[in-house]
Amino acid sequence: EGTPALDVLMQVLTPLGRAWGLFSRTPLSPQLVLTEPLFPQVATWDEQALRSLTSLLMGRFPRLTPQLLADLSQFLPFMAVSDIMRLPPALLANESPAGGHASCNVPSPSFAALQTHSAHMKRMQKIAFAKLLLQTQLLGDVATWPQAFLRAVQPLLPHLPLRHFLQLSPQQIQGLAEGWQNVCLGLAQGHHVAHSLINLSRGAGVEQVHRLGSLACYLNSEELQALAPLRDPQGPVEQRLLACAATGMLHLHGQVVYALAELLRSANLPAVRPQELRAWRGIVPELGVRFLQRLSAAQLRVLLSDLKAAHLTPVQVSPQHPCWLPGRDPHLPKDPCSSQKGGTSSLSAVRRPVQLFGAAGAMQPVHILQLGLLATQLSERELQDLELSTWGALSVLGGLEGWTARQMRALVSSFLRRSGASVSGLALPELAALGHLLCGLHADEIQMLNSQEFSRAAPFMGSLKLSCSERQMEALAGLLTTSSAFGPVGSWGPEIFTEIGTLAAGLPDIALSSLVLEQIWALTPLAIAVIPAPKFTVVFSPAQLLGFTSAQASAVTPQQYVRLSVEQKRAVASAQFEGEVAQDGRGRNQAWARPGPSALALLSLIYSLG
């Protein structure tokens, strides 16, 4: 706005340099080259317009060369996956001046462009370029790729299908040692890299772990035991692993976490300063209730200050509250949830605090917090009597699974009655606090929710495995398609599908069956798993199922799988074990088929000039 349209067009297109003369009747002077990179300016641009423009540009060049793709490099972050998949694989290899033969010993100019702009590319775009690598016949098997070529394509390597990534030899991996710290690896990929970089026959194991940096997080317990046995919670190796656990890089219930938990349990806790406990937060779920009960109030307050209830197991919720929540009943026994795994004992465990407090209506919010998972054992009448006028205690109950439909209805009704709120008046804090309990609203009541507020709560709600009925899920998804939320599904970019998570399972059949490849990739595995089996069979064609990632294909439930046709089952099996990108043969990406006003202005200018 405020910029002449021709100036806008010039700012976007002058980076093309030599490429401009190939599609305009009026070639620009070679001196007119944009010296500033395009991507930092995106904040002031219409990104959808740039995506539409990029798709148009790709269509105006019938024959792309590596150099021409390099000239178009600033548009790489805006390329549709379908456009990437149509690029000739030969673009990734150089042509020899002598006989027109290709060579991979010297990286193509295309890769210099990929290296420069890969940080701004989305995961799905990188997967598509990695697929293109595997289609380049000249390159051969991954194990034969030369080192110079591997260095050029290292940002793409983590996006190869796992079976191809595991073909990298220790020598190839060691030649890229410095670059592995800058890429994001999965657990299996990370272990393959870390294992290739260590030498168990050498001494100085601690030094080897130190050189690995964050890659040490991928070593298994046997490798760590051989290199640097865990002995001191304050040791460099132990601190590195604790940092990995805090960032989620360690498998929560894996052997390394278990070994760290054993080490921390044996520590002299009175001698541990409260601030040192911050580094232990990633191991808290594995430490158990007894460990928390050994901590002083100051230690517990520091340890839990950075945690949410979701980071704790349900039985660990009771011990944390006496430290910083008022109103604890002095007669409440420590951790009544400790016997919840005993089956029938859970009911008797919950009855004891109920007896101590009298009727359920006498329970204060702090008592509800202390009940934790055992609250699911209360009767509907007792749940209706709970004091839920504020969303503090409600958020704890809303974070629990295992409610029956009638229990959820009782809790939602109680909250609305006691708080005086209306369904249409529920805002982001209340919606997020309700969590699983949102399924206590009838489908017609869900339709009354404020769609704008619900769209703000969608990232949280979409992370839950809701136990709503199919009709309720459809009502929730319908809220997201209104003009005050995300608009029609046909206009959604992949990022919206990822953001709404499991809520995508409620989209209409026709919307799910029309998804293009980059939109399908954006569906979370949990969203795949919660789609009702009859619906799953109808909405996904074999071609779409073949485009699933390994994680998505692995998320298909037995109930879904048994209803699939032979062709659909074959596609799921292929996607699960190959994990490769598959073309669905439907041509151009339709996600950007409806450009906004800014896009239309740019495209109109291009047509008038060219």
Foldseek 3Di string as FASTA:
>chain_A
DPDPLVVVLLLVPQLLQVCQVQQFPDDDDSVSHDPDQDVVCCVVPDLLLLLLVLVVSLVSDPDDALVSLLSVLSSLQSYDLLSLLPHQLLNFWDADPPPRDTDLPATGSNLVSCVVCVVSHDLSSLQSVLLSPVVNVVQPALCRRDLNNCLSSVQSLQSAFPVRSLSHALVSLVSCQVVVVPHDHDLVNLLSSLVSQDDLVDAQLVVSCVSNQLSVLSHAPVSCCSRPDDADCPDPNNLSNLQCLVVPNHDLPGPVLLSNLVNVLPDPQVPDDLQSLCSNLSSQQVNDQVSLVPHDLSNLCSSCVPDDCVSHDQQNQQSSQVSPPPDDDPPDDPRLCPCVVVPVVLLVSVVVVCVVQPQLLSDDLSVLRNCGQSVLNDDLVSLLSHQQLDLPSLLSVLVDDDHDLSNLLSNVVSNCVNNVDALQRDAQSNVNSNHLSVLNDDLVSLLSHQLLRLLVNQQNNQVDLHPHDLSNLLSSLVSQCDPSHPHHLLQDDLVSQLSNHLSVLNHDLVSLLPAALSNLASHALSNLLNNDQVSNQRRHDLLNLLQYALSNLVSHDPSNLVPHDPSNNVSSVNRNVRRHGGHSPPDDHSNSVDPDPSSVSSVVVSVVRD
